Amino acid sequence: MMVVENLLDVKNYFAGEVKENFVVQYEKMVKSNAFYEAGGLHETEEETAECIKVLRSTGEASSVTRISEYQIGGEYTSVDDVLAVIREAHKDIFKS
């Protein structure tokens, strides 16, 4: 069995407000299990997950490093909650 994550939606936040090489990105994914049975590949949908990531470009072949990741639905109940935390906890990524 294998876990598959399909990306449903991506949004960038704070465009123009963060320093060069930083990105604040929302992702919505559906996670499912995939398995081979009876001559074919089958997939069962499990759950939808949402998160916001603070990323930094390394400058090497468009690669990025994750600085922080915030899951929506537990401690943070909404996108706005996470964005407020990012503004406070990651002041250093914002332009002066």
PDB file of N, CA and C in Angstrom:
ATOM      1  N   MET A   1       0.845  -1.170   0.000  1.00  0.00           N
ATOM      2  CA  MET A   1       0.000   0.000   0.000  1.00  0.00           C
ATOM      3  C   MET A   1       0.894   1.239   0.000  1.00  0.00           C
ATOM      4  N   MET A   2       0.405   2.282  -0.646  1.00  0.00           N
ATOM      5  CA  MET A   2       1.164   3.514  -0.762  1.00  0.00           C
ATOM      6  C   MET A   2       0.232   4.694  -0.492  1.00  0.00           C
ATOM      7  N   VAL A   3       0.739   5.721   0.182  1.00  0.00           N
ATOM      8  CA  VAL A   3      -0.032   6.934   0.440  1.00  0.00           C
ATOM      9  C   VAL A   3       0.209   7.902  -0.716  1.00  0.00           C
ATOM     10  N   VAL A   4      -0.885   8.438  -1.258  1.00  0.00           N
ATOM     11  CA  VAL A   4      -0.820   9.378  -2.373  1.00  0.00           C
ATOM     12  C   VAL A   4      -1.396  10.710  -1.914  1.00  0.00           C
ATOM     13  N   GLU A   5      -0.701  11.795  -2.223  1.00  0.00           N
ATOM     14  CA  GLU A   5      -1.202  13.131  -1.911  1.00  0.00           C
ATOM     15  C   GLU A   5      -1.433  13.874  -3.222  1.00  0.00           C
ATOM     16  N   ASN A   6      -2.682  14.243  -3.483  1.00  0.00           N
ATOM     17  CA  ASN A   6      -3.029  14.998  -4.682  1.00  0.00           C
ATOM     18  C   ASN A   6      -3.283  16.450  -4.303  1.00  0.00           C
ATOM     19  N   LEU A   7      -2.572  17.347  -4.940  1.00  0.00           N
ATOM     20  CA  LEU A   7      -2.700  18.770  -4.667  1.00  0.00           C
ATOM     21  C   LEU A   7      -3.958  19.308  -5.341  1.00  0.00           C
ATOM     22  N   LEU A   8      -4.857  19.898  -4.544  1.00  0.00           N
ATOM     23  CA  LEU A   8      -6.113  20.433  -5.057  1.00  0.00           C
ATOM     24  C   LEU A   8      -6.058  21.932  -5.301  1.00  0.00           C
ATOM     25  N   ASP A   9      -5.321  22.659  -4.448  1.00  0.00           N
ATOM     26  CA  ASP A   9      -5.308  24.119  -4.531  1.00  0.00           C
ATOM     27  C   ASP A   9      -4.012  24.657  -3.940  1.00  0.00           C
ATOM     28  N   VAL A  10      -3.502  25.723  -4.536  1.00  0.00           N
ATOM     29  CA  VAL A  10      -2.310  26.411  -4.042  1.00  0.00           C
ATOM     30  C   VAL A  10      -2.562  27.907  -4.150  1.00  0.00           C
ATOM     31  N   LYS A  11      -2.220  28.647  -3.094  1.00  0.00           N
ATOM     32  CA  LYS A  11      -2.335  30.107  -3.103  1.00  0.00           C
ATOM     33  C   LYS A  11      -1.111  30.685  -2.413  1.00  0.00           C
ATOM     34  N   ASN A  12      -0.632  31.807  -2.920  1.00  0.00           N
ATOM     35  CA  ASN A  12       0.459  32.523  -2.263  1.00  0.00           C
ATOM     36  C   ASN A  12      -0.116  33.699  -1.497  1.00  0.00           C
ATOM     37  N   TYR A  13       0.381  33.909  -0.291  1.00  0.00           N
ATOM     38  CA  TYR A  13      -0.035  35.030   0.545  1.00  0.00           C
ATOM     39  C   TYR A  13       1.153  35.963   0.758  1.00  0.00           C
ATOM     40  N   PHE A  14       0.855  37.211   1.040  1.00  0.00           N
ATOM     41  CA  PHE A  14       1.843  38.252   1.328  1.00  0.00           C
ATOM     42  C   PHE A  14       2.757  38.540   0.142  1.00  0.00           C
ATOM     43  N   ALA A  15       2.285  38.305  -1.083  1.00  0.00           N
ATOM     44  CA  ALA A  15       3.082  38.629  -2.270  1.00  0.00           C
ATOM     45  C   ALA A  15       3.381  40.125  -2.253  1.00  0.00           C
ATOM     46  N   GLY A  16       4.619  40.479  -2.490  1.00  0.00           N
ATOM     47  CA  GLY A  16       5.031  41.874  -2.456  1.00  0.00           C
ATOM     48  C   GLY A  16       5.342  42.388  -1.063  1.00  0.00           C
ATOM     49  N   GLU A  17       4.963  41.634  -0.035  1.00  0.00           N
ATOM     50  CA  GLU A  17       5.217  42.046   1.355  1.00  0.00           C
ATOM     51  C   GLU A  17       6.412  41.326   1.969  1.00  0.00           C
ATOM     52  N   VAL A  18       6.743  40.143   1.420  1.00  0.00           N
ATOM     53  CA  VAL A  18       7.869  39.383   1.964  1.00  0.00           C
ATOM     54  C   VAL A  18       9.130  39.664   1.154  1.00  0.00           C
ATOM     55  N   LYS A  19      10.273  39.460   1.792  1.00  0.00           N
ATOM     56  CA  LYS A  19      11.555  39.677   1.137  1.00  0.00           C
ATOM     57  C   LYS A  19      11.722  38.699  -0.019  1.00  0.00           C
ATOM     58  N   GLU A  20      12.623  39.078  -0.918  1.00  0.00           N
ATOM     59  CA  GLU A  20      12.937  38.222  -2.051  1.00  0.00           C
ATOM     60  C   GLU A  20      13.407  36.864  -1.534  1.00  0.00           C
ATOM     61  N   ASN A  21      13.054  35.815  -2.225  1.00  0.00           N
ATOM     62  CA  ASN A  21      13.404  34.428  -1.894  1.00  0.00           C
ATOM     63  C   ASN A  21      12.514  33.795  -0.828  1.00  0.00           C
ATOM     64  N   PHE A  22      11.501  34.522  -0.320  1.00  0.00           N
ATOM     65  CA  PHE A  22      10.574  33.938   0.644  1.00  0.00           C
ATOM     66  C   PHE A  22       9.188  33.825   0.024  1.00  0.00           C
ATOM     67  N   VAL A  23       8.473  32.768   0.398  1.00  0.00           N
ATOM     68  CA  VAL A  23       7.106  32.539  -0.080  1.00  0.00           C
ATOM     69  C   VAL A  23       6.278  32.013   1.086  1.00  0.00           C
ATOM     70  N   VAL A  24       5.049  32.516   1.203  1.00  0.00           N
ATOM     71  CA  VAL A  24       4.079  31.983   2.160  1.00  0.00           C
ATOM     72  C   VAL A  24       2.992  31.339   1.308  1.00  0.00           C
ATOM     73  N   GLN A  25       2.892  30.019   1.370  1.00  0.00           N
ATOM     74  CA  GLN A  25       2.062  29.259   0.437  1.00  0.00           C
ATOM     75  C   GLN A  25       1.036  28.386   1.150  1.00  0.00           C
ATOM     76  N   TYR A  26      -0.217  28.516   0.714  1.00  0.00           N
ATOM     77  CA  TYR A  26      -1.325  27.676   1.186  1.00  0.00           C
ATOM     78  C   TYR A  26      -1.425  26.472   0.261  1.00  0.00           C
ATOM     79  N   GLU A  27      -1.641  25.291   0.821  1.00  0.00           N
ATOM     80  CA  GLU A  27      -1.852  24.074   0.033  1.00  0.00           C
ATOM     81  C   GLU A  27      -3.038  23.297   0.588  1.00  0.00           C
ATOM     82  N   LYS A  28      -3.866  22.827  -0.312  1.00  0.00           N
ATOM     83  CA  LYS A  28      -4.971  21.934   0.054  1.00  0.00           C
ATOM     84  C   LYS A  28      -4.756  20.635  -0.718  1.00  0.00           C
ATOM     85  N   MET A  29      -4.709  19.517   0.022  1.00  0.00           N
ATOM     86  CA  MET A  29      -4.437  18.216  -0.582  1.00  0.00           C
ATOM     87  C   MET A  29      -5.467  17.189  -0.143  1.00  0.00           C
ATOM     88  N   VAL A  30      -5.670  16.213  -0.988  1.00  0.00           N
ATOM     89  CA  VAL A  30      -6.456  15.053  -0.582  1.00  0.00           C
ATOM     90  C   VAL A  30      -5.469  13.888  -0.482  1.00  0.00           C
ATOM     91  N   LYS A  31      -5.485  13.240   0.667  1.00  0.00           N
ATOM     92  CA  LYS A  31      -4.607  12.096   0.905  1.00  0.00           C
ATOM     93  C   LYS A  31      -5.425  10.826   0.713  1.00  0.00           C
ATOM     94  N   SER A  32      -4.834   9.863   0.025  1.00  0.00           N
ATOM     95  CA  SER A  32      -5.534   8.605  -0.211  1.00  0.00           C
ATOM     96  C   SER A  32      -4.542   7.449  -0.161  1.00  0.00           C
ATOM     97  N   ASN A  33      -5.081   6.257  -0.108  1.00  0.00           N
ATOM     98  CA  ASN A  33      -4.273   5.040  -0.145  1.00  0.00           C
ATOM     99  C   ASN A  33      -4.416   4.413  -1.519  1.00  0.00           C
ATOM    100  N   ALA A  34      -3.305   3.982  -2.081  1.00  0.00           N
ATOM    101  CA  ALA A  34      -3.315   3.301  -3.370  1.00  0.00           C
ATOM    102  C   ALA A  34      -2.777   1.887  -3.165  1.00  0.00           C
ATOM    103  N   PHE A  35      -3.403   0.945  -3.843  1.00  0.00           N
ATOM    104  CA  PHE A  35      -2.961  -0.443  -3.724  1.00  0.00           C
ATOM    105  C   PHE A  35      -3.277  -1.186  -5.016  1.00  0.00           C
ATOM    106  N   TYR A  36      -2.536  -2.246  -5.255  1.00  0.00           N
ATOM    107  CA  TYR A  36      -2.704  -3.071  -6.439  1.00  0.00           C
ATOM    108  C   TYR A  36      -3.499  -4.308  -6.051  1.00  0.00           C
ATOM    109  N   GLU A  37      -4.607  -4.537  -6.783  1.00  0.00           N
ATOM    110  CA  GLU A  37      -5.461  -5.682  -6.472  1.00  0.00           C
ATOM    111  C   GLU A  37      -6.248  -6.077  -7.708  1.00  0.00           C
ATOM    112  N   ALA A  38      -6.411  -7.349  -7.913  1.00  0.00           N
ATOM    113  CA  ALA A  38      -7.226  -7.893  -9.004  1.00  0.00           C
ATOM    114  C   ALA A  38      -6.854  -7.284 -10.353  1.00  0.00           C
ATOM    115  N   GLY A  39      -5.547  -7.239 -10.616  1.00  0.00           N
ATOM    116  CA  GLY A  39      -5.087  -6.792 -11.920  1.00  0.00           C
ATOM    117  C   GLY A  39      -5.131  -5.299 -12.163  1.00  0.00           C
ATOM    118  N   GLY A  40      -5.342  -4.506 -11.140  1.00  0.00           N
ATOM    119  CA  GLY A  40      -5.394  -3.060 -11.352  1.00  0.00           C
ATOM    120  C   GLY A  40      -5.016  -2.270 -10.114  1.00  0.00           C
ATOM    121  N   LEU A  41      -4.773  -1.015 -10.334  1.00  0.00           N
ATOM    122  CA  LEU A  41      -4.443  -0.103  -9.250  1.00  0.00           C
ATOM    123  C   LEU A  41      -5.720   0.541  -8.737  1.00  0.00           C
ATOM    124  N   HIS A  42      -5.912   0.516  -7.443  1.00  0.00           N
ATOM    125  CA  HIS A  42      -7.108   1.090  -6.814  1.00  0.00           C
ATOM    126  C   HIS A  42      -6.677   2.174  -5.832  1.00  0.00           C
ATOM    127  N   GLU A  43      -7.548   3.172  -5.686  1.00  0.00           N
ATOM    128  CA  GLU A  43      -7.250   4.281  -4.785  1.00  0.00           C
ATOM    129  C   GLU A  43      -8.475   4.580  -3.935  1.00  0.00           C
ATOM    130  N   THR A  44      -8.266   4.732  -2.631  1.00  0.00           N
ATOM    131  CA  THR A  44      -9.362   5.092  -1.732  1.00  0.00           C
ATOM    132  C   THR A  44      -9.051   6.436  -1.091  1.00  0.00           C
ATOM    133  N   GLU A  45      -9.967   7.389  -1.232  1.00  0.00           N
ATOM    134  CA  GLU A  45      -9.764   8.708  -0.645  1.00  0.00           C
ATOM    135  C   GLU A  45      -9.921   8.628   0.861  1.00  0.00           C
ATOM    136  N   GLU A  46      -9.031   9.300   1.560  1.00  0.00           N
ATOM    137  CA  GLU A  46      -9.022   9.243   3.014  1.00  0.00           C
ATOM    138  C   GLU A  46      -9.442  10.560   3.645  1.00  0.00           C
ATOM    139  N   GLU A  47      -8.682  11.619   3.388  1.00  0.00           N
ATOM    140  CA  GLU A  47      -8.948  12.884   4.069  1.00  0.00           C
ATOM    141  C   GLU A  47      -8.409  14.053   3.259  1.00  0.00           C
ATOM    142  N   THR A  48      -8.960  15.214   3.534  1.00  0.00           N
ATOM    143  CA  THR A  48      -8.467  16.452   2.945  1.00  0.00           C
ATOM    144  C   THR A  48      -7.651  17.175   4.008  1.00  0.00           C
ATOM    145  N   ALA A  49      -6.499  17.686   3.619  1.00  0.00           N
ATOM    146  CA  ALA A  49      -5.620  18.393   4.550  1.00  0.00           C
ATOM    147  C   ALA A  49      -5.284  19.766   3.987  1.00  0.00           C
ATOM    148  N   GLU A  50      -5.207  20.759   4.879  1.00  0.00           N
ATOM    149  CA  GLU A  50      -4.840  22.111   4.491  1.00  0.00           C
ATOM    150  C   GLU A  50      -3.681  22.576   5.356  1.00  0.00           C
ATOM    151  N   CYS A  51      -2.745  23.285   4.749  1.00  0.00           N
ATOM    152  CA  CYS A  51      -1.624  23.830   5.506  1.00  0.00           C
ATOM    153  C   CYS A  51      -1.112  25.096   4.837  1.00  0.00           C
ATOM    154  N   ILE A  52      -0.359  25.858   5.607  1.00  0.00           N
ATOM    155  CA  ILE A  52       0.345  27.017   5.067  1.00  0.00           C
ATOM    156  C   ILE A  52       1.810  26.831   5.414  1.00  0.00           C
ATOM    157  N   LYS A  53       2.657  26.984   4.394  1.00  0.00           N
ATOM    158  CA  LYS A  53       4.093  26.787   4.556  1.00  0.00           C
ATOM    159  C   LYS A  53       4.827  28.105   4.352  1.00  0.00           C
ATOM    160  N   VAL A  54       5.860  28.310   5.148  1.00  0.00           N
ATOM    161  CA  VAL A  54       6.790  29.413   4.938  1.00  0.00           C
ATOM    162  C   VAL A  54       8.016  28.780   4.287  1.00  0.00           C
ATOM    163  N   LEU A  55       8.319  29.219   3.062  1.00  0.00           N
ATOM    164  CA  LEU A  55       9.389  28.620   2.270  1.00  0.00           C
ATOM    165  C   LEU A  55      10.447  29.653   1.915  1.00  0.00           C
ATOM    166  N   ARG A  56      11.671  29.179   1.734  1.00  0.00           N
ATOM    167  CA  ARG A  56      12.760  30.049   1.300  1.00  0.00           C
ATOM    168  C   ARG A  56      13.452  29.407   0.113  1.00  0.00           C
ATOM    169  N   SER A  57      13.639  30.188  -0.933  1.00  0.00           N
ATOM    170  CA  SER A  57      14.347  29.713  -2.111  1.00  0.00           C
ATOM    171  C   SER A  57      15.827  29.596  -1.794  1.00  0.00           C
ATOM    172  N   THR A  58      16.426  28.489  -2.208  1.00  0.00           N
ATOM    173  CA  THR A  58      17.857  28.287  -1.977  1.00  0.00           C
ATOM    174  C   THR A  58      18.689  28.885  -3.097  1.00  0.00           C
ATOM    175  N   GLY A  59      18.027  29.258  -4.195  1.00  0.00           N
ATOM    176  CA  GLY A  59      18.745  29.819  -5.333  1.00  0.00           C
ATOM    177  C   GLY A  59      19.338  28.760  -6.242  1.00  0.00           C
ATOM    178  N   GLU A  60      19.158  27.503  -5.910  1.00  0.00           N
ATOM    179  CA  GLU A  60      19.702  26.404  -6.703  1.00  0.00           C
ATOM    180  C   GLU A  60      18.589  25.677  -7.439  1.00  0.00           C
ATOM    181  N   ALA A  61      18.525  25.883  -8.744  1.00  0.00           N
ATOM    182  CA  ALA A  61      17.571  25.172  -9.607  1.00  0.00           C
ATOM    183  C   ALA A  61      16.140  25.233  -9.084  1.00  0.00           C
ATOM    184  N   SER A  62      15.718  26.393  -8.664  1.00  0.00           N
ATOM    185  CA  SER A  62      14.341  26.622  -8.200  1.00  0.00           C
ATOM    186  C   SER A  62      13.950  25.746  -7.015  1.00  0.00           C
ATOM    187  N   SER A  63      14.893  25.365  -6.202  1.00  0.00           N
ATOM    188  CA  SER A  63      14.569  24.540  -5.043  1.00  0.00           C
ATOM    189  C   SER A  63      14.259  25.426  -3.836  1.00  0.00           C
ATOM    190  N   VAL A  64      13.416  24.924  -2.945  1.00  0.00           N
ATOM    191  CA  VAL A  64      13.017  25.676  -1.754  1.00  0.00           C
ATOM    192  C   VAL A  64      13.242  24.835  -0.500  1.00  0.00           C
ATOM    193  N   THR A  65      13.417  25.536   0.618  1.00  0.00           N
ATOM    194  CA  THR A  65      13.547  24.907   1.926  1.00  0.00           C
ATOM    195  C   THR A  65      12.361  25.335   2.772  1.00  0.00           C
ATOM    196  N   ARG A  66      11.719  24.382   3.424  1.00  0.00           N
ATOM    197  CA  ARG A  66      10.592  24.707   4.299  1.00  0.00           C
ATOM    198  C   ARG A  66      11.132  25.224   5.626  1.00  0.00           C
ATOM    199  N   ILE A  67      10.691  26.424   5.997  1.00  0.00           N
ATOM    200  CA  ILE A  67      11.077  27.021   7.275  1.00  0.00           C
ATOM    201  C   ILE A  67      10.081  26.606   8.350  1.00  0.00           C
ATOM    202  N   SER A  68       8.793  26.701   8.020  1.00  0.00           N
ATOM    203  CA  SER A  68       7.723  26.329   8.958  1.00  0.00           C
ATOM    204  C   SER A  68       6.528  25.814   8.181  1.00  0.00           C
ATOM    205  N   GLU A  69       5.720  25.008   8.864  1.00  0.00           N
ATOM    206  CA  GLU A  69       4.470  24.518   8.281  1.00  0.00           C
ATOM    207  C   GLU A  69       3.400  24.537   9.361  1.00  0.00           C
ATOM    208  N   TYR A  70       2.244  25.085   9.023  1.00  0.00           N
ATOM    209  CA  TYR A  70       1.129  25.215   9.960  1.00  0.00           C
ATOM    210  C   TYR A  70      -0.077  24.469   9.402  1.00  0.00           C
ATOM    211  N   GLN A  71      -0.549  23.465  10.130  1.00  0.00           N
ATOM    212  CA  GLN A  71      -1.720  22.686   9.726  1.00  0.00           C
ATOM    213  C   GLN A  71      -2.991  23.423  10.141  1.00  0.00           C
ATOM    214  N   ILE A  72      -3.938  23.498   9.235  1.00  0.00           N
ATOM    215  CA  ILE A  72      -5.221  24.135   9.526  1.00  0.00           C
ATOM    216  C   ILE A  72      -6.197  23.050   9.965  1.00  0.00           C
ATOM    217  N   GLY A  73      -6.918  23.326  11.051  1.00  0.00           N
ATOM    218  CA  GLY A  73      -7.908  22.373  11.527  1.00  0.00           C
ATOM    219  C   GLY A  73      -7.673  21.891  12.939  1.00  0.00           C
ATOM    220  N   GLY A  74      -6.520  22.096  13.460  1.00  0.00           N
ATOM    221  CA  GLY A  74      -6.233  21.706  14.838  1.00  0.00           C
ATOM    222  C   GLY A  74      -6.093  22.938  15.692  1.00  0.00           C
ATOM    223  N   GLU A  75      -4.849  23.256  16.005  1.00  0.00           N
ATOM    224  CA  GLU A  75      -4.553  24.449  16.800  1.00  0.00           C
ATOM    225  C   GLU A  75      -4.990  25.721  16.076  1.00  0.00           C
ATOM    226  N   TYR A  76      -4.880  25.702  14.764  1.00  0.00           N
ATOM    227  CA  TYR A  76      -5.268  26.851  13.940  1.00  0.00           C
ATOM    228  C   TYR A  76      -6.543  26.494  13.185  1.00  0.00           C
ATOM    229  N   THR A  77      -7.596  27.235  13.443  1.00  0.00           N
ATOM    230  CA  THR A  77      -8.901  26.871  12.880  1.00  0.00           C
ATOM    231  C   THR A  77      -9.177  27.482  11.520  1.00  0.00           C
ATOM    232  N   SER A  78      -8.367  28.464  11.107  1.00  0.00           N
ATOM    233  CA  SER A  78      -8.626  29.102   9.814  1.00  0.00           C
ATOM    234  C   SER A  78      -7.329  29.616   9.198  1.00  0.00           C
ATOM    235  N   VAL A  79      -7.406  29.938   7.924  1.00  0.00           N
ATOM    236  CA  VAL A  79      -6.274  30.530   7.218  1.00  0.00           C
ATOM    237  C   VAL A  79      -5.881  31.842   7.887  1.00  0.00           C
ATOM    238  N   ASP A  80      -6.866  32.653   8.256  1.00  0.00           N
ATOM    239  CA  ASP A  80      -6.582  33.941   8.899  1.00  0.00           C
ATOM    240  C   ASP A  80      -5.814  33.775  10.206  1.00  0.00           C
ATOM    241  N   ASP A  81      -6.133  32.741  10.984  1.00  0.00           N
ATOM    242  CA  ASP A  81      -5.394  32.458  12.224  1.00  0.00           C
ATOM    243  C   ASP A  81      -3.910  32.226  11.926  1.00  0.00           C
ATOM    244  N   VAL A  82      -3.647  31.410  10.921  1.00  0.00           N
ATOM    245  CA  VAL A  82      -2.265  31.085  10.568  1.00  0.00           C
ATOM    246  C   VAL A  82      -1.536  32.316  10.043  1.00  0.00           C
ATOM    247  N   LEU A  83      -2.194  33.102   9.200  1.00  0.00           N
ATOM    248  CA  LEU A  83      -1.548  34.294   8.649  1.00  0.00           C
ATOM    249  C   LEU A  83      -1.164  35.274   9.756  1.00  0.00           C
ATOM    250  N   ALA A  84      -2.008  35.403  10.775  1.00  0.00           N
ATOM    251  CA  ALA A  84      -1.696  36.275  11.916  1.00  0.00           C
ATOM    252  C   ALA A  84      -0.477  35.755  12.674  1.00  0.00           C
ATOM    253  N   VAL A  85      -0.394  34.442  12.856  1.00  0.00           N
ATOM    254  CA  VAL A  85       0.755  33.838  13.543  1.00  0.00           C
ATOM    255  C   VAL A  85       2.029  34.059  12.731  1.00  0.00           C
ATOM    256  N   ILE A  86       1.936  33.888  11.421  1.00  0.00           N
ATOM    257  CA  ILE A  86       3.112  34.074  10.562  1.00  0.00           C
ATOM    258  C   ILE A  86       3.606  35.515  10.631  1.00  0.00           C
ATOM    259  N   ARG A  87       2.685  36.469  10.592  1.00  0.00           N
ATOM    260  CA  ARG A  87       3.080  37.892  10.695  1.00  0.00           C
ATOM    261  C   ARG A  87       3.854  38.155  11.988  1.00  0.00           C
ATOM    262  N   GLU A  88       3.458  37.502  13.064  1.00  0.00           N
ATOM    263  CA  GLU A  88       4.097  37.722  14.366  1.00  0.00           C
ATOM    264  C   GLU A  88       5.377  36.893  14.525  1.00  0.00           C
ATOM    265  N   ALA A  89       5.322  35.629  14.168  1.00  0.00           N
ATOM    266  CA  ALA A  89       6.443  34.713  14.413  1.00  0.00           C
ATOM    267  C   ALA A  89       7.571  34.826  13.386  1.00  0.00           C
ATOM    268  N   HIS A  90       7.267  35.363  12.220  1.00  0.00           N
ATOM    269  CA  HIS A  90       8.263  35.430  11.139  1.00  0.00           C
ATOM    270  C   HIS A  90       8.441  36.858  10.644  1.00  0.00           C
ATOM    271  N   LYS A  91       8.541  37.790  11.566  1.00  0.00           N
ATOM    272  CA  LYS A  91       8.698  39.203  11.206  1.00  0.00           C
ATOM    273  C   LYS A  91       9.910  39.425  10.304  1.00  0.00           C
ATOM    274  N   ASP A  92      10.923  38.590  10.460  1.00  0.00           N
ATOM    275  CA  ASP A  92      12.164  38.746   9.705  1.00  0.00           C
ATOM    276  C   ASP A  92      12.015  38.496   8.208  1.00  0.00           C
ATOM    277  N   ILE A  93      10.949  37.835   7.754  1.00  0.00           N
ATOM    278  CA  ILE A  93      10.787  37.576   6.321  1.00  0.00           C
ATOM    279  C   ILE A  93      10.079  38.724   5.604  1.00  0.00           C
ATOM    280  N   PHE A  94       9.520  39.664   6.360  1.00  0.00           N
ATOM    281  CA  PHE A  94       8.779  40.771   5.765  1.00  0.00           C
ATOM    282  C   PHE A  94       9.702  41.948   5.468  1.00  0.00           C
ATOM    283  N   LYS A  95       9.374  42.649   4.379  1.00  0.00           N
ATOM    284  CA  LYS A  95      10.124  43.858   4.030  1.00  0.00           C
ATOM    285  C   LYS A  95       9.891  44.917   5.094  1.00  0.00           C
ATOM    286  N   SER A  96      10.870  45.761   5.284  1.00  0.00           N
ATOM    287  CA  SER A  96      10.764  46.829   6.302  1.00  0.00           C
ATOM    288  C   SER A  96       9.813  47.919   5.871  1.00  0.00           C
TER     289      SER A  96
END
